[in-house]
């Protein structure tokens, strides 16, 4: 792997790691507000994001990088006072995670690309389950009908999840 490819992969891995940190935090909020009927689903998503986060820490280290640490807290994109808002937050978290995995797919090759594609698919499926509908191109904000001028999921995942 060339230095340029390694640096590109490392940058995308760090972004995915940051998004997973934010998702783990966000699912802590979701878990505190979600209705009893969807708690198991929220717990499974939380566990899945923790596992992905831990795997990304190992991958960053394998490439010689220092994994970025989780922030103490993250700004939520909207208030989450009840179960309906928790469901919306869970879908938003999954959209943002899908965005960074889309970037990781573009930045990597081989097994790492396959793992990123699997993570993208899992996030897209979870988003559909939370939202009840799908988007045409999960992980690609510019093709998912988002308003022009809004930040991409990968750019905003670490700042506002």
Foldseek 3Di string as FASTA:
>chain_A
DDPVLLVLLLVLLLLLLLLLLLLLQLLVVLLVAADPVCNVVSVVVNVVSVVSNVVSCVVSVVSVHHRDDRDPHAAAPDDRPHNLSSLVSLLLSLLLSLQSLVSSLVSDDDPSNVVSVVSNVVSQVSSCVSVVHHAPDRNFCVRRPDDPPDDRSSVCSNHHD
